[in-house]
């Protein structure tokens, strides 16, 4: 990264930082900070520089998001790079945090967690790994696996490149198993196979959780969509005694489930 930092004059030592300080002091009117706020901070140079780098970072993030988005639009990749949430407001939605919260509530402290079709492991890195002692992430997509290993990996995370149907899962090992934003990509037979994976790998009284978009019939990658919350609930009741469902609309209609105790 050294050459990249040098190319863009990103401060890596006190001397380079001082150069930015000198520049900002001479151009304070360029910062979107009022004189009154500066006075409240007593001209604190660290506050001023923090604001400078914050607004600079926002503009750089927008450019990064645009480049990443353009790149995927040419690749026809059937997964989502969740780094976009952090790069631009346009990719942010309460749905994303709702989805994380839904899963987190069913992960016991220091529990063992399995994420089927984990994609780039964004949620596992930022959320689930902070609650679970072990986080296993499995996905067959090589691009998402590469990003996961490069930017979304921790010591308590195991990132697996494999089709979910071809992996040997430990028996009765996980406290929580999740498949979110993915089950709609499978047909009825494959959904039943997913249930069998869960039945094999989930501990007694463990939770199977996830979410899926409500049916829109406009995505060529979706094979089986649920029309509403009731249809989703009836599907899960074929396999589980306890089924919790709810829905949320913000940008898209999303159906959530949490299931426990196999029939």
C-alpha atoms as a PDB file:
ATOM      1  CA  UNK A   1       0.000   0.000   0.000  1.00  0.00           C
ATOM      2  CA  UNK A   2       2.990   2.354   0.375  1.00  0.00           C
ATOM      3  CA  UNK A   3       2.996   3.422  -3.268  1.00  0.00           C
ATOM      4  CA  UNK A   4      -0.761   4.014  -3.164  1.00  0.00           C
ATOM      5  CA  UNK A   5      -0.417   6.254  -0.111  1.00  0.00           C
ATOM      6  CA  UNK A   6       2.388   8.168  -1.804  1.00  0.00           C
ATOM      7  CA  UNK A   7       0.404   8.472  -5.056  1.00  0.00           C
ATOM      8  CA  UNK A   8      -2.459  10.184  -3.239  1.00  0.00           C
ATOM      9  CA  UNK A   9      -0.341  11.989  -0.622  1.00  0.00           C
ATOM     10  CA  UNK A  10      -2.072  10.247   2.279  1.00  0.00           C
ATOM     11  CA  UNK A  11      -0.232  11.126   5.531  1.00  0.00           C
ATOM     12  CA  UNK A  12       1.766   8.227   6.930  1.00  0.00           C
ATOM     13  CA  UNK A  13       3.894  10.180   9.416  1.00  0.00           C
ATOM     14  CA  UNK A  14       3.856  13.397  11.440  1.00  0.00           C
ATOM     15  CA  UNK A  15       5.719  15.348   8.758  1.00  0.00           C
ATOM     16  CA  UNK A  16       3.116  14.565   6.095  1.00  0.00           C
ATOM     17  CA  UNK A  17       0.293  15.232   8.579  1.00  0.00           C
ATOM     18  CA  UNK A  18       1.772  18.637   9.359  1.00  0.00           C
ATOM     19  CA  UNK A  19       1.654  19.484   5.666  1.00  0.00           C
ATOM     20  CA  UNK A  20      -2.113  18.848   5.683  1.00  0.00           C
ATOM     21  CA  UNK A  21      -2.457  20.887   8.882  1.00  0.00           C
ATOM     22  CA  UNK A  22      -0.707  23.840   7.274  1.00  0.00           C
ATOM     23  CA  UNK A  23      -2.897  23.544   4.185  1.00  0.00           C
ATOM     24  CA  UNK A  24      -6.150  23.438   6.157  1.00  0.00           C
ATOM     25  CA  UNK A  25      -5.203  26.383   8.387  1.00  0.00           C
ATOM     26  CA  UNK A  26      -4.754  28.451   5.228  1.00  0.00           C
ATOM     27  CA  UNK A  27      -8.048  27.231   3.745  1.00  0.00           C
ATOM     28  CA  UNK A  28     -10.455  26.938   6.679  1.00  0.00           C
ATOM     29  CA  UNK A  29     -13.212  28.506   4.608  1.00  0.00           C
ATOM     30  CA  UNK A  30     -13.196  25.355   2.429  1.00  0.00           C
ATOM     31  CA  UNK A  31     -14.412  23.189   5.319  1.00  0.00           C
ATOM     32  CA  UNK A  32     -18.198  22.893   5.880  1.00  0.00           C
ATOM     33  CA  UNK A  33     -17.757  23.993   9.508  1.00  0.00           C
ATOM     34  CA  UNK A  34     -19.137  27.237  10.902  1.00  0.00           C
ATOM     35  CA  UNK A  35     -16.902  29.765  12.605  1.00  0.00           C
ATOM     36  CA  UNK A  36     -19.059  29.423  15.715  1.00  0.00           C
ATOM     37  CA  UNK A  37     -18.369  25.685  15.875  1.00  0.00           C
ATOM     38  CA  UNK A  38     -14.653  26.291  15.461  1.00  0.00           C
ATOM     39  CA  UNK A  39     -14.737  28.738  18.348  1.00  0.00           C
ATOM     40  CA  UNK A  40     -16.579  26.195  20.518  1.00  0.00           C
ATOM     41  CA  UNK A  41     -13.748  23.762  19.838  1.00  0.00           C
ATOM     42  CA  UNK A  42     -11.181  26.435  20.735  1.00  0.00           C
ATOM     43  CA  UNK A  43      -9.570  25.963  17.346  1.00  0.00           C
ATOM     44  CA  UNK A  44      -8.627  22.379  18.272  1.00  0.00           C
ATOM     45  CA  UNK A  45      -6.481  21.294  15.346  1.00  0.00           C
ATOM     46  CA  UNK A  46      -7.321  17.589  15.817  1.00  0.00           C
ATOM     47  CA  UNK A  47     -11.014  18.356  15.500  1.00  0.00           C
ATOM     48  CA  UNK A  48     -10.372  20.457  12.405  1.00  0.00           C
ATOM     49  CA  UNK A  49      -8.246  17.750  10.794  1.00  0.00           C
ATOM     50  CA  UNK A  50     -10.790  15.086  11.728  1.00  0.00           C
ATOM     51  CA  UNK A  51     -13.495  17.033   9.909  1.00  0.00           C
ATOM     52  CA  UNK A  52     -11.208  17.509   6.927  1.00  0.00           C
ATOM     53  CA  UNK A  53     -10.480  13.793   6.595  1.00  0.00           C
ATOM     54  CA  UNK A  54     -14.138  12.932   7.263  1.00  0.00           C
ATOM     55  CA  UNK A  55     -15.449  15.004   4.341  1.00  0.00           C
ATOM     56  CA  UNK A  56     -12.552  13.916   2.128  1.00  0.00           C
ATOM     57  CA  UNK A  57     -13.333  10.310   2.989  1.00  0.00           C
ATOM     58  CA  UNK A  58     -17.007  10.734   2.091  1.00  0.00           C
ATOM     59  CA  UNK A  59     -16.102  11.933  -1.392  1.00  0.00           C
ATOM     60  CA  UNK A  60     -13.565   9.132  -1.875  1.00  0.00           C
ATOM     61  CA  UNK A  61     -16.122   6.568  -0.662  1.00  0.00           C
ATOM     62  CA  UNK A  62     -18.665   7.793  -3.215  1.00  0.00           C
ATOM     63  CA  UNK A  63     -16.109   7.309  -5.963  1.00  0.00           C
ATOM     64  CA  UNK A  64     -15.219   3.829  -4.667  1.00  0.00           C
ATOM     65  CA  UNK A  65     -18.908   2.851  -4.569  1.00  0.00           C
ATOM     66  CA  UNK A  66     -19.460   4.047  -8.115  1.00  0.00           C
ATOM     67  CA  UNK A  67     -16.463   2.079  -9.406  1.00  0.00           C
ATOM     68  CA  UNK A  68     -17.437  -1.115  -7.532  1.00  0.00           C
ATOM     69  CA  UNK A  69     -21.057  -0.843  -8.659  1.00  0.00           C
ATOM     70  CA  UNK A  70     -20.044  -0.281 -12.284  1.00  0.00           C
ATOM     71  CA  UNK A  71     -17.704  -3.251 -12.112  1.00  0.00           C
ATOM     72  CA  UNK A  72     -20.402  -5.645 -10.900  1.00  0.00           C
ATOM     73  CA  UNK A  73     -22.898  -4.370 -13.456  1.00  0.00           C
ATOM     74  CA  UNK A  74     -20.580  -5.712 -16.157  1.00  0.00           C
ATOM     75  CA  UNK A  75     -19.984  -9.073 -14.448  1.00  0.00           C
ATOM     76  CA  UNK A  76     -23.591 -10.241 -13.898  1.00  0.00           C
ATOM     77  CA  UNK A  77     -22.673 -11.480 -10.409  1.00  0.00           C
ATOM     78  CA  UNK A  78     -25.593 -12.950  -8.453  1.00  0.00           C
ATOM     79  CA  UNK A  79     -24.544 -11.653  -5.021  1.00  0.00           C
ATOM     80  CA  UNK A  80     -24.277  -8.284  -3.309  1.00  0.00           C
ATOM     81  CA  UNK A  81     -21.083  -6.555  -2.184  1.00  0.00           C
ATOM     82  CA  UNK A  82     -22.181  -5.226   1.200  1.00  0.00           C
ATOM     83  CA  UNK A  83     -19.212  -2.875   1.443  1.00  0.00           C
ATOM     84  CA  UNK A  84     -21.433  -0.515  -0.552  1.00  0.00           C
ATOM     85  CA  UNK A  85     -23.501   0.067   2.618  1.00  0.00           C
ATOM     86  CA  UNK A  86     -20.497   1.729   4.225  1.00  0.00           C
ATOM     87  CA  UNK A  87     -19.406   3.656   1.149  1.00  0.00           C
ATOM     88  CA  UNK A  88     -22.531   5.525   0.086  1.00  0.00           C
ATOM     89  CA  UNK A  89     -25.847   6.657   1.551  1.00  0.00           C
ATOM     90  CA  UNK A  90     -27.601   5.448  -1.615  1.00  0.00           C
ATOM     91  CA  UNK A  91     -26.867   1.818  -0.653  1.00  0.00           C
ATOM     92  CA  UNK A  92     -27.968   2.217   2.974  1.00  0.00           C
ATOM     93  CA  UNK A  93     -31.362   1.039   4.195  1.00  0.00           C
ATOM     94  CA  UNK A  94     -32.849   0.218   7.626  1.00  0.00           C
ATOM     95  CA  UNK A  95     -33.547  -3.214   6.154  1.00  0.00           C
ATOM     96  CA  UNK A  96     -29.883  -4.153   6.423  1.00  0.00           C
ATOM     97  CA  UNK A  97     -29.700  -3.480  10.144  1.00  0.00           C
ATOM     98  CA  UNK A  98     -33.126  -5.066  10.689  1.00  0.00           C
ATOM     99  CA  UNK A  99     -31.816  -8.229   9.076  1.00  0.00           C
ATOM    100  CA  UNK A 100     -28.708  -8.287  11.279  1.00  0.00           C
ATOM    101  CA  UNK A 101     -30.728  -7.646  14.429  1.00  0.00           C
ATOM    102  CA  UNK A 102     -33.149 -10.458  13.555  1.00  0.00           C
ATOM    103  CA  UNK A 103     -30.305 -12.996  13.451  1.00  0.00           C
ATOM    104  CA  UNK A 104     -28.348 -11.594  16.414  1.00  0.00           C
ATOM    105  CA  UNK A 105     -31.306 -12.118  18.760  1.00  0.00           C
ATOM    106  CA  UNK A 106     -31.090 -15.876  18.159  1.00  0.00           C
ATOM    107  CA  UNK A 107     -27.338 -16.313  18.632  1.00  0.00           C
ATOM    108  CA  UNK A 108     -26.495 -17.219  22.261  1.00  0.00           C
ATOM    109  CA  UNK A 109     -23.476 -15.576  23.810  1.00  0.00           C
ATOM    110  CA  UNK A 110     -20.385 -17.566  22.763  1.00  0.00           C
ATOM    111  CA  UNK A 111     -22.586 -19.820  20.639  1.00  0.00           C
ATOM    112  CA  UNK A 112     -21.582 -21.633  17.455  1.00  0.00           C
ATOM    113  CA  UNK A 113     -23.040 -20.115  14.305  1.00  0.00           C
ATOM    114  CA  UNK A 114     -23.350 -21.333  10.702  1.00  0.00           C
ATOM    115  CA  UNK A 115     -24.181 -19.004   7.803  1.00  0.00           C
ATOM    116  CA  UNK A 116     -25.302 -20.777   4.622  1.00  0.00           C
ATOM    117  CA  UNK A 117     -24.768 -18.778   1.408  1.00  0.00           C
ATOM    118  CA  UNK A 118     -22.764 -16.232   3.375  1.00  0.00           C
ATOM    119  CA  UNK A 119     -21.601 -14.202   0.355  1.00  0.00           C
ATOM    120  CA  UNK A 120     -18.887 -11.708   1.284  1.00  0.00           C
ATOM    121  CA  UNK A 121     -19.321 -12.397   5.051  1.00  0.00           C
ATOM    122  CA  UNK A 122     -20.122  -8.744   5.751  1.00  0.00           C
ATOM    123  CA  UNK A 123     -22.710  -9.584   8.385  1.00  0.00           C
ATOM    124  CA  UNK A 124     -20.545 -12.270   9.947  1.00  0.00           C
ATOM    125  CA  UNK A 125     -17.616  -9.874  10.274  1.00  0.00           C
ATOM    126  CA  UNK A 126     -19.470  -6.814  11.553  1.00  0.00           C
ATOM    127  CA  UNK A 127     -22.199  -8.506  13.619  1.00  0.00           C
ATOM    128  CA  UNK A 128     -22.307 -12.250  14.206  1.00  0.00           C
ATOM    129  CA  UNK A 129     -18.620 -12.689  15.107  1.00  0.00           C
ATOM    130  CA  UNK A 130     -19.084 -10.272  18.001  1.00  0.00           C
ATOM    131  CA  UNK A 131     -21.707 -12.536  19.574  1.00  0.00           C
ATOM    132  CA  UNK A 132     -20.704 -16.089  18.613  1.00  0.00           C
ATOM    133  CA  UNK A 133     -17.492 -17.857  19.614  1.00  0.00           C
ATOM    134  CA  UNK A 134     -17.366 -19.638  16.246  1.00  0.00           C
ATOM    135  CA  UNK A 135     -18.733 -18.394  12.931  1.00  0.00           C
ATOM    136  CA  UNK A 136     -18.717 -20.740   9.937  1.00  0.00           C
ATOM    137  CA  UNK A 137     -19.447 -19.106   6.574  1.00  0.00           C
ATOM    138  CA  UNK A 138     -20.021 -21.147   3.435  1.00  0.00           C
ATOM    139  CA  UNK A 139     -20.598 -19.975  -0.136  1.00  0.00           C
ATOM    140  CA  UNK A 140     -19.666 -21.291  -3.583  1.00  0.00           C
ATOM    141  CA  UNK A 141     -18.979 -17.914  -5.223  1.00  0.00           C
ATOM    142  CA  UNK A 142     -15.247 -17.394  -5.756  1.00  0.00           C
ATOM    143  CA  UNK A 143     -15.445 -13.605  -6.004  1.00  0.00           C
ATOM    144  CA  UNK A 144     -17.337 -13.174  -2.743  1.00  0.00           C
ATOM    145  CA  UNK A 145     -15.034 -15.713  -1.079  1.00  0.00           C
ATOM    146  CA  UNK A 146     -12.006 -13.689  -2.177  1.00  0.00           C
ATOM    147  CA  UNK A 147     -13.456 -10.470  -0.729  1.00  0.00           C
ATOM    148  CA  UNK A 148     -14.473 -12.239   2.486  1.00  0.00           C
ATOM    149  CA  UNK A 149     -10.963 -13.579   3.047  1.00  0.00           C
ATOM    150  CA  UNK A 150      -9.394 -10.228   2.214  1.00  0.00           C
ATOM    151  CA  UNK A 151     -11.544  -7.759   4.157  1.00  0.00           C
ATOM    152  CA  UNK A 152     -14.151  -9.628   6.267  1.00  0.00           C
ATOM    153  CA  UNK A 153     -12.217 -12.238   8.231  1.00  0.00           C
ATOM    154  CA  UNK A 154     -11.483 -12.680  11.941  1.00  0.00           C
ATOM    155  CA  UNK A 155      -9.835 -15.368  14.035  1.00  0.00           C
ATOM    156  CA  UNK A 156     -13.182 -16.819  15.132  1.00  0.00           C
ATOM    157  CA  UNK A 157     -14.469 -17.027  11.546  1.00  0.00           C
ATOM    158  CA  UNK A 158     -14.113 -20.049   9.255  1.00  0.00           C
ATOM    159  CA  UNK A 159     -14.694 -19.065   5.608  1.00  0.00           C
ATOM    160  CA  UNK A 160     -15.472 -22.040   3.362  1.00  0.00           C
ATOM    161  CA  UNK A 161     -15.548 -22.069  -0.445  1.00  0.00           C
ATOM    162  CA  UNK A 162     -18.060 -24.791  -1.291  1.00  0.00           C
ATOM    163  CA  UNK A 163     -21.525 -25.502  -2.586  1.00  0.00           C
ATOM    164  CA  UNK A 164     -23.693 -25.795   0.532  1.00  0.00           C
ATOM    165  CA  UNK A 165     -24.985 -29.189  -0.641  1.00  0.00           C
ATOM    166  CA  UNK A 166     -21.522 -30.720  -1.031  1.00  0.00           C
ATOM    167  CA  UNK A 167     -20.057 -29.912   2.374  1.00  0.00           C
ATOM    168  CA  UNK A 168     -19.806 -32.323   5.315  1.00  0.00           C
ATOM    169  CA  UNK A 169     -21.255 -30.505   8.320  1.00  0.00           C
ATOM    170  CA  UNK A 170     -20.598 -31.624  11.902  1.00  0.00           C
ATOM    171  CA  UNK A 171     -23.613 -33.231  13.534  1.00  0.00           C
ATOM    172  CA  UNK A 172     -25.643 -31.305  16.155  1.00  0.00           C
ATOM    173  CA  UNK A 173     -22.873 -28.703  16.393  1.00  0.00           C
ATOM    174  CA  UNK A 174     -24.407 -25.258  15.819  1.00  0.00           C
ATOM    175  CA  UNK A 175     -26.592 -23.213  18.142  1.00  0.00           C
ATOM    176  CA  UNK A 176     -27.866 -21.078  15.273  1.00  0.00           C
ATOM    177  CA  UNK A 177     -28.002 -21.640  11.516  1.00  0.00           C
ATOM    178  CA  UNK A 178     -28.832 -18.813   9.151  1.00  0.00           C
ATOM    179  CA  UNK A 179     -29.617 -18.414   5.475  1.00  0.00           C
ATOM    180  CA  UNK A 180     -30.606 -14.855   4.663  1.00  0.00           C
ATOM    181  CA  UNK A 181     -31.403 -13.312   1.304  1.00  0.00           C
ATOM    182  CA  UNK A 182     -30.715 -16.612  -0.443  1.00  0.00           C
ATOM    183  CA  UNK A 183     -33.400 -19.256   0.015  1.00  0.00           C
ATOM    184  CA  UNK A 184     -35.387 -17.756  -2.877  1.00  0.00           C
ATOM    185  CA  UNK A 185     -32.624 -18.923  -5.223  1.00  0.00           C
ATOM    186  CA  UNK A 186     -33.518 -22.596  -4.684  1.00  0.00           C
ATOM    187  CA  UNK A 187     -36.317 -24.843  -5.918  1.00  0.00           C
ATOM    188  CA  UNK A 188     -38.618 -26.913  -3.699  1.00  0.00           C
ATOM    189  CA  UNK A 189     -36.330 -29.959  -3.679  1.00  0.00           C
ATOM    190  CA  UNK A 190     -33.287 -27.864  -2.812  1.00  0.00           C
ATOM    191  CA  UNK A 191     -35.199 -26.089  -0.046  1.00  0.00           C
ATOM    192  CA  UNK A 192     -35.968 -29.483   1.439  1.00  0.00           C
ATOM    193  CA  UNK A 193     -32.282 -30.373   1.189  1.00  0.00           C
ATOM    194  CA  UNK A 194     -31.446 -27.168   3.072  1.00  0.00           C
ATOM    195  CA  UNK A 195     -33.867 -28.163   5.818  1.00  0.00           C
ATOM    196  CA  UNK A 196     -32.101 -31.549   6.017  1.00  0.00           C
ATOM    197  CA  UNK A 197     -28.727 -29.801   6.372  1.00  0.00           C
ATOM    198  CA  UNK A 198     -30.161 -27.769   9.232  1.00  0.00           C
ATOM    199  CA  UNK A 199     -31.684 -30.859  10.830  1.00  0.00           C
ATOM    200  CA  UNK A 200     -28.296 -32.599  10.740  1.00  0.00           C
ATOM    201  CA  UNK A 201     -26.103 -29.726  11.927  1.00  0.00           C
ATOM    202  CA  UNK A 202     -28.348 -27.832  14.395  1.00  0.00           C
ATOM    203  CA  UNK A 203     -28.294 -28.591  18.104  1.00  0.00           C
ATOM    204  CA  UNK A 204     -31.520 -29.603  19.820  1.00  0.00           C
ATOM    205  CA  UNK A 205     -33.402 -26.396  20.646  1.00  0.00           C
ATOM    206  CA  UNK A 206     -31.150 -24.424  18.305  1.00  0.00           C
ATOM    207  CA  UNK A 207     -32.563 -21.765  15.975  1.00  0.00           C
ATOM    208  CA  UNK A 208     -32.866 -21.717  12.192  1.00  0.00           C
ATOM    209  CA  UNK A 209     -33.236 -18.089  11.094  1.00  0.00           C
ATOM    210  CA  UNK A 210     -33.259 -16.069   7.899  1.00  0.00           C
ATOM    211  CA  UNK A 211     -35.066 -13.716   5.586  1.00  0.00           C
ATOM    212  CA  UNK A 212     -36.215 -13.575   1.983  1.00  0.00           C
ATOM    213  CA  UNK A 213     -37.762 -10.926  -0.269  1.00  0.00           C
ATOM    214  CA  UNK A 214     -41.520 -11.066  -0.633  1.00  0.00           C
ATOM    215  CA  UNK A 215     -42.472 -12.293  -4.113  1.00  0.00           C
ATOM    216  CA  UNK A 216     -42.135  -9.756  -6.904  1.00  0.00           C
ATOM    217  CA  UNK A 217     -41.529 -12.173  -9.808  1.00  0.00           C
ATOM    218  CA  UNK A 218     -39.164  -9.711 -11.465  1.00  0.00           C
ATOM    219  CA  UNK A 219     -35.758 -11.227 -10.606  1.00  0.00           C
ATOM    220  CA  UNK A 220     -34.435 -13.800 -13.071  1.00  0.00           C
ATOM    221  CA  UNK A 221     -32.207 -15.309 -10.357  1.00  0.00           C
ATOM    222  CA  UNK A 222     -35.097 -16.133  -8.022  1.00  0.00           C
ATOM    223  CA  UNK A 223     -36.592 -19.597  -8.389  1.00  0.00           C
ATOM    224  CA  UNK A 224     -38.997 -19.901  -5.457  1.00  0.00           C
ATOM    225  CA  UNK A 225     -40.469 -16.769  -3.864  1.00  0.00           C
ATOM    226  CA  UNK A 226     -42.983 -16.661  -1.014  1.00  0.00           C
ATOM    227  CA  UNK A 227     -46.067 -14.581  -1.735  1.00  0.00           C
ATOM    228  CA  UNK A 228     -46.571 -13.437   1.849  1.00  0.00           C
ATOM    229  CA  UNK A 229     -45.719 -14.090   5.492  1.00  0.00           C
ATOM    230  CA  UNK A 230     -48.430 -16.707   5.899  1.00  0.00           C
ATOM    231  CA  UNK A 231     -47.118 -18.830   3.026  1.00  0.00           C
ATOM    232  CA  UNK A 232     -43.633 -18.698   4.519  1.00  0.00           C
ATOM    233  CA  UNK A 233     -44.971 -19.683   7.930  1.00  0.00           C
ATOM    234  CA  UNK A 234     -46.926 -22.659   6.554  1.00  0.00           C
ATOM    235  CA  UNK A 235     -43.821 -23.882   4.732  1.00  0.00           C
ATOM    236  CA  UNK A 236     -41.732 -23.808   7.901  1.00  0.00           C
ATOM    237  CA  UNK A 237     -44.481 -25.430   9.977  1.00  0.00           C
ATOM    238  CA  UNK A 238     -44.060 -28.578   7.874  1.00  0.00           C
ATOM    239  CA  UNK A 239     -40.703 -29.082   9.595  1.00  0.00           C
ATOM    240  CA  UNK A 240     -40.685 -27.129  12.882  1.00  0.00           C
ATOM    241  CA  UNK A 241     -42.931 -26.972  15.937  1.00  0.00           C
ATOM    242  CA  UNK A 242     -42.025 -23.371  16.758  1.00  0.00           C
ATOM    243  CA  UNK A 243     -42.159 -20.858  13.903  1.00  0.00           C
ATOM    244  CA  UNK A 244     -41.873 -17.094  14.326  1.00  0.00           C
ATOM    245  CA  UNK A 245     -42.407 -14.835  11.302  1.00  0.00           C
ATOM    246  CA  UNK A 246     -42.644 -11.137  10.638  1.00  0.00           C
ATOM    247  CA  UNK A 247     -42.241  -8.735   7.752  1.00  0.00           C
ATOM    248  CA  UNK A 248     -40.764  -5.314   7.110  1.00  0.00           C
ATOM    249  CA  UNK A 249     -41.023  -2.905   4.211  1.00  0.00           C
ATOM    250  CA  UNK A 250     -38.324  -0.367   3.494  1.00  0.00           C
ATOM    251  CA  UNK A 251     -37.151  -0.273  -0.093  1.00  0.00           C
ATOM    252  CA  UNK A 252     -38.381  -3.833  -0.474  1.00  0.00           C
ATOM    253  CA  UNK A 253     -40.825  -6.141   1.323  1.00  0.00           C
ATOM    254  CA  UNK A 254     -38.851  -8.658   3.367  1.00  0.00           C
ATOM    255  CA  UNK A 255     -40.111 -11.756   5.170  1.00  0.00           C
ATOM    256  CA  UNK A 256     -38.287 -12.992   8.292  1.00  0.00           C
ATOM    257  CA  UNK A 257     -38.420 -16.346  10.053  1.00  0.00           C
ATOM    258  CA  UNK A 258     -37.022 -17.998  13.174  1.00  0.00           C
ATOM    259  CA  UNK A 259     -37.701 -21.704  13.735  1.00  0.00           C
ATOM    260  CA  UNK A 260     -36.996 -24.116  16.570  1.00  0.00           C
ATOM    261  CA  UNK A 261     -37.631 -27.786  17.418  1.00  0.00           C
ATOM    262  CA  UNK A 262     -38.020 -30.180  14.507  1.00  0.00           C
ATOM    263  CA  UNK A 263     -41.235 -32.179  14.176  1.00  0.00           C
END
